[in-house]
N, C-alpha and C. Protein backbone atom coordinates (compact mmCIF):
# COMPACT_ATOMS: atom_id res chain seq x y z
N UNK A 1 3.20 151.00 106.46
CA UNK A 1 2.91 151.25 105.00
C UNK A 1 4.31 151.79 104.54
N UNK A 2 4.64 151.22 103.05
CA UNK A 2 5.28 152.07 102.71
C UNK A 2 5.71 153.45 102.09
N UNK A 3 7.06 153.69 102.68
CA UNK A 3 7.34 156.01 101.90
C UNK A 3 7.39 156.82 100.93
N UNK A 4 8.92 154.98 100.74
CA UNK A 4 9.27 155.31 99.73
C UNK A 4 9.94 154.44 98.35
N UNK A 5 9.76 154.90 97.13
CA UNK A 5 9.77 153.90 96.46
C UNK A 5 11.34 154.15 95.34
N UNK A 6 12.52 153.49 95.51
CA UNK A 6 13.37 153.69 94.73
C UNK A 6 12.86 152.72 93.45
N UNK A 7 13.51 152.95 91.70
CA UNK A 7 13.19 153.35 90.62
C UNK A 7 14.55 152.90 90.66
N UNK A 8 15.09 151.44 90.26
CA UNK A 8 16.49 151.20 89.67
C UNK A 8 15.56 150.49 87.86
N UNK A 9 16.76 150.62 86.80
CA UNK A 9 17.03 150.08 85.25
C UNK A 9 17.73 149.34 85.20
N UNK A 10 17.06 148.11 84.98
CA UNK A 10 19.03 147.46 84.60
C UNK A 10 18.45 147.05 83.06
N UNK A 11 19.86 147.22 82.32
CA UNK A 11 19.87 146.65 80.51
C UNK A 11 20.40 145.71 81.17
N UNK A 12 20.33 144.61 79.95
CA UNK A 12 20.54 143.46 79.77
C UNK A 12 21.96 142.70 80.43
N UNK A 13 22.41 144.13 80.47
CA UNK A 13 24.33 143.54 80.84
C UNK A 13 24.16 143.79 82.34
N UNK A 14 23.43 144.85 82.76
CA UNK A 14 23.56 145.00 83.85
C UNK A 14 23.58 143.84 84.82
N UNK A 15 23.92 144.63 85.82
CA UNK A 15 24.37 143.81 87.90
C UNK A 15 24.73 144.79 89.03
N UNK A 16 24.27 144.14 89.66
CA UNK A 16 24.70 144.91 91.14
C UNK A 16 24.89 143.92 92.11
N UNK A 17 26.00 143.71 93.01
CA UNK A 17 26.65 142.90 93.74
C UNK A 17 25.59 142.75 95.18
N UNK A 18 26.36 141.97 95.46
CA UNK A 18 25.24 142.26 97.01
C UNK A 18 25.39 143.22 97.69
N UNK A 19 24.77 144.00 98.43
CA UNK A 19 25.07 145.35 99.15
C UNK A 19 23.96 145.19 100.44
N UNK A 20 24.29 146.64 101.04
CA UNK A 20 23.50 146.52 102.11
C UNK A 20 22.53 148.02 101.92
N UNK A 21 21.51 148.36 102.04
CA UNK A 21 20.92 149.65 102.03
C UNK A 21 20.34 150.20 104.08
N UNK A 22 21.19 150.62 103.91
CA UNK A 22 20.79 151.36 105.45
C UNK A 22 20.25 152.76 105.69
N UNK A 23 19.47 152.98 104.79
CA UNK A 23 18.85 154.20 105.36
C UNK A 23 17.69 154.88 106.11
N UNK A 24 17.27 153.93 106.37
CA UNK A 24 16.32 153.57 107.21
C UNK A 24 16.39 153.71 108.31
N UNK A 25 15.32 154.50 109.33
CA UNK A 25 15.20 154.12 110.79
C UNK A 25 14.86 153.33 111.30
N UNK A 26 14.39 152.55 111.08
CA UNK A 26 14.08 150.99 111.56
C UNK A 26 14.04 149.89 110.62
N UNK A 27 15.06 148.44 111.02
CA UNK A 27 14.98 147.79 110.54
C UNK A 27 13.72 147.02 110.43
N UNK A 28 12.84 146.98 111.44
CA UNK A 28 11.59 145.51 111.23
C UNK A 28 10.79 145.50 110.36
N UNK A 29 9.92 146.59 109.10
CA UNK A 29 9.31 146.07 108.20
C UNK A 29 10.20 145.95 107.25
N UNK A 30 9.52 144.69 106.80
CA UNK A 30 10.34 144.36 105.25
C UNK A 30 10.30 145.14 104.58
N UNK A 31 11.11 144.86 103.34
CA UNK A 31 11.17 145.76 101.81
C UNK A 31 10.27 145.09 101.26
N UNK A 32 9.33 145.48 100.04
CA UNK A 32 8.82 144.84 99.00
C UNK A 32 9.81 145.10 97.72
N UNK A 33 9.39 144.15 96.88
CA UNK A 33 10.72 144.38 95.19
C UNK A 33 9.98 143.41 94.62
N UNK A 34 9.30 144.73 93.53
CA UNK A 34 8.67 143.97 92.30
C UNK A 34 9.34 144.24 91.11
N UNK A 35 9.30 143.48 90.51
CA UNK A 35 10.45 143.09 88.69
C UNK A 35 8.85 142.73 88.07
N UNK A 36 9.42 144.08 87.34
CA UNK A 36 8.95 144.21 85.50
C UNK A 36 9.71 144.21 84.89
N UNK A 37 9.41 143.76 82.78
CA UNK A 37 10.19 143.84 82.62
C UNK A 37 11.23 142.34 82.28
N UNK A 38 11.82 141.82 81.69
CA UNK A 38 12.80 141.22 81.40
C UNK A 38 13.24 140.19 82.87
N UNK A 39 12.90 138.96 82.46
CA UNK A 39 13.93 137.75 84.61
C UNK A 39 15.27 138.84 84.92
N UNK A 40 15.82 138.02 85.86
CA UNK A 40 17.26 138.65 86.57
C UNK A 40 17.64 137.49 87.29
N UNK A 41 18.24 137.11 87.84
CA UNK A 41 18.78 136.45 88.87
C UNK A 41 19.25 136.97 90.20
N UNK A 42 18.12 137.22 90.75
CA UNK A 42 18.18 137.97 92.30
C UNK A 42 19.46 136.79 93.54
N UNK A 43 20.23 138.05 94.05
CA UNK A 43 20.46 136.60 95.69
C UNK A 43 20.46 137.75 96.25
N UNK A 44 19.66 136.82 97.40
CA UNK A 44 19.28 137.32 99.15
C UNK A 44 20.37 137.14 99.99
N UNK A 45 21.42 137.24 100.91
CA UNK A 45 22.31 137.21 101.47
C UNK A 45 22.23 137.38 103.39
N UNK A 46 22.75 137.14 103.98
CA UNK A 46 23.07 136.95 105.51
C UNK A 46 23.68 137.79 105.64
N UNK A 47 23.36 139.29 107.32
CA UNK A 47 24.42 139.35 107.46
C UNK A 47 25.72 138.70 108.07
N UNK A 48 25.04 137.49 108.97
CA UNK A 48 26.21 137.01 109.78
C UNK A 48 27.06 136.67 109.07
N UNK A 49 28.35 136.10 109.60
CA UNK A 49 28.82 135.31 108.94
C UNK A 49 29.87 134.27 108.94
N UNK A 50 29.72 133.80 108.27
CA UNK A 50 30.53 133.17 106.86
C UNK A 50 29.12 133.35 106.37
N UNK A 51 29.24 134.38 105.21
CA UNK A 51 27.69 135.01 104.53
C UNK A 51 26.62 133.92 103.64
N UNK A 52 25.84 133.11 104.08
CA UNK A 52 25.44 132.11 102.84
C UNK A 52 24.66 132.54 102.46
N UNK A 53 24.63 132.61 100.41
CA UNK A 53 23.51 133.38 100.09
C UNK A 53 22.45 132.21 99.49
N UNK A 54 21.55 133.23 98.29
CA UNK A 54 20.67 132.09 97.54
C UNK A 54 20.09 132.89 96.89
N UNK A 55 20.39 132.51 95.24
CA UNK A 55 20.03 132.83 93.76
C UNK A 55 18.36 132.17 92.81
N UNK A 56 18.02 133.02 92.98
CA UNK A 56 16.55 132.93 92.77
C UNK A 56 16.12 133.82 91.09
N UNK A 57 15.82 132.92 90.13
CA UNK A 57 15.28 133.86 88.98
C UNK A 57 13.99 134.75 89.72
N UNK A 58 13.91 136.27 88.64
CA UNK A 58 12.63 136.36 89.17
C UNK A 58 11.91 137.04 87.54
N UNK A 59 10.39 136.54 87.60
CA UNK A 59 9.89 136.95 86.31
C UNK A 59 9.45 138.64 86.29
N UNK A 60 8.61 138.80 84.92
CA UNK A 60 8.43 140.20 84.94
C UNK A 60 6.84 139.87 85.84
N UNK A 61 6.31 140.48 86.69
CA UNK A 61 5.76 140.88 87.79
C UNK A 61 5.96 140.11 89.12
N UNK A 62 6.76 139.80 89.31
CA UNK A 62 7.21 138.90 90.43
C UNK A 62 7.21 139.65 90.96
N UNK A 63 6.88 139.63 92.86
CA UNK A 63 6.83 140.63 93.90
C UNK A 63 7.58 139.77 95.34
N UNK A 64 8.58 140.30 95.75
CA UNK A 64 9.31 139.81 96.84
C UNK A 64 9.68 140.66 98.50
N UNK A 65 8.63 140.05 99.12
CA UNK A 65 8.48 139.97 100.39
C UNK A 65 10.07 140.30 101.02
N UNK A 66 11.31 141.02 101.62
CA UNK A 66 12.10 140.80 102.57
C UNK A 66 11.78 141.26 104.15
N UNK A 67 12.30 140.50 104.71
CA UNK A 67 12.38 141.03 106.27
C UNK A 67 13.61 139.74 106.07
N UNK A 68 13.44 140.79 108.13
CA UNK A 68 14.92 140.24 108.80
C UNK A 68 16.60 140.15 107.82
N UNK A 69 17.11 139.92 108.47
CA UNK A 69 18.54 139.40 107.40
C UNK A 69 18.66 139.91 106.16
N UNK A 70 18.01 139.00 105.85
CA UNK A 70 18.09 139.03 104.54
C UNK A 70 17.35 140.57 103.06
N UNK A 71 16.65 141.54 104.40
CA UNK A 71 16.01 142.41 103.96
C UNK A 71 17.09 143.31 103.57
N UNK A 72 18.64 143.51 104.39
CA UNK A 72 19.62 144.11 104.24
C UNK A 72 20.75 143.94 103.00
N UNK A 73 20.65 142.48 102.61
CA UNK A 73 21.65 142.22 101.87
C UNK A 73 21.41 141.80 100.38
N UNK A 74 21.58 142.13 99.24
CA UNK A 74 20.89 141.76 98.10
C UNK A 74 21.49 142.34 97.26
N UNK A 75 21.03 141.57 95.77
CA UNK A 75 21.86 142.24 94.72
C UNK A 75 21.16 141.60 93.48
N UNK A 76 21.46 141.34 92.15
CA UNK A 76 20.91 141.31 91.10
C UNK A 76 22.27 140.18 90.53
N UNK A 77 22.25 138.55 90.49
CA UNK A 77 23.63 138.66 89.38
C UNK A 77 23.65 138.79 88.33
N UNK A 78 22.43 138.55 87.19
CA UNK A 78 22.04 139.09 86.19
C UNK A 78 21.02 138.62 85.07
N UNK A 79 21.16 139.94 84.50
CA UNK A 79 19.64 140.04 83.43
C UNK A 79 19.64 139.65 82.58
N UNK A 80 18.27 138.54 82.40
CA UNK A 80 18.53 137.32 81.26
C UNK A 80 17.99 137.95 80.26
N UNK A 81 18.01 138.33 78.93
CA UNK A 81 17.69 139.57 77.64
C UNK A 81 16.28 138.63 77.28
N UNK A 82 15.56 139.33 76.51
CA UNK A 82 14.55 138.68 75.63
C UNK A 82 13.96 138.02 76.84
N UNK A 83 13.09 138.17 77.36
CA UNK A 83 12.24 137.44 78.37
C UNK A 83 11.56 138.33 78.53
N UNK A 84 10.65 139.30 78.13
CA UNK A 84 9.89 139.64 78.36
C UNK A 84 9.47 140.50 76.97
N UNK A 85 8.03 141.31 77.07
CA UNK A 85 7.84 141.91 76.32
C UNK A 85 7.49 143.46 76.78
N UNK A 86 7.55 143.61 77.75
CA UNK A 86 6.83 144.75 78.52
C UNK A 86 7.89 145.50 78.23
N UNK A 87 9.10 146.07 77.86
CA UNK A 87 9.84 147.41 78.54
C UNK A 87 10.46 147.02 75.95
N UNK A 88 9.65 147.99 75.32
CA UNK A 88 9.95 148.06 74.47
C UNK A 88 11.39 147.50 73.71
N UNK A 89 12.84 148.40 74.76
CA UNK A 89 14.27 148.36 74.20
C UNK A 89 14.79 147.00 74.81
N UNK A 90 13.51 146.10 75.98
CA UNK A 90 14.93 145.23 76.83
C UNK A 90 14.35 145.39 77.65
N UNK A 91 15.17 144.63 79.02
CA UNK A 91 15.75 145.37 80.55
C UNK A 91 14.79 145.68 81.24
N UNK A 92 15.35 146.45 82.63
CA UNK A 92 14.50 145.73 83.74
C UNK A 92 14.47 146.61 84.43
N UNK A 93 12.65 146.54 85.31
CA UNK A 93 12.89 147.80 86.17
C UNK A 93 12.60 146.75 86.98
N UNK A 94 13.11 147.57 88.36
CA UNK A 94 12.67 147.11 89.62
C UNK A 94 12.59 148.11 90.67
N UNK A 95 11.15 148.17 91.75
CA UNK A 95 10.50 148.69 92.28
C UNK A 95 10.89 148.30 93.79
N UNK A 96 11.65 149.11 94.47
CA UNK A 96 11.69 148.28 95.40
C UNK A 96 11.05 149.62 96.61
N UNK A 97 10.16 149.27 97.57
CA UNK A 97 9.05 149.91 98.24
C UNK A 97 9.55 149.71 100.35
N UNK A 98 9.71 150.62 100.11
CA UNK A 98 10.53 150.56 102.26
C UNK A 98 9.65 151.68 102.77
N UNK A 99 9.77 151.58 104.12
CA UNK A 99 9.41 152.69 105.28
C UNK A 99 11.05 153.07 106.07
N UNK A 100 10.82 154.30 105.80
CA UNK A 100 11.73 154.80 106.15
C UNK A 100 11.74 155.24 107.77
N UNK A 101 10.89 156.34 108.45
CA UNK A 101 10.66 156.11 109.63
C UNK A 101 10.27 155.06 110.33
N UNK A 102 9.71 156.01 111.84
CA UNK A 102 9.74 154.62 113.14
C UNK A 102 7.51 154.73 112.27
N UNK A 103 7.61 153.56 113.05
CA UNK A 103 5.95 153.69 112.59
C UNK A 103 5.82 154.53 113.95
């Protein structure tokens, strides 16, 4: 089960390049990402070099479960404004749930 939830807000101009979150004691548990609000182009990469990556569109309510190398490297290429009416002023909220300690 998850132990932590990171909450990020993305305005319509926000981006987050490919990055690694390595705060957990054990990388075997998957990371769960929940998208709310405007759609976004989400990118997942790999640790190995060269690092191929894949992008796909996430809509409000989409849930992604990331495991293996894909759970370490990801980012947001862009937010698609006015694609959801969930948030009054637009934008996107992402909830990232993860296990922090070893089970």
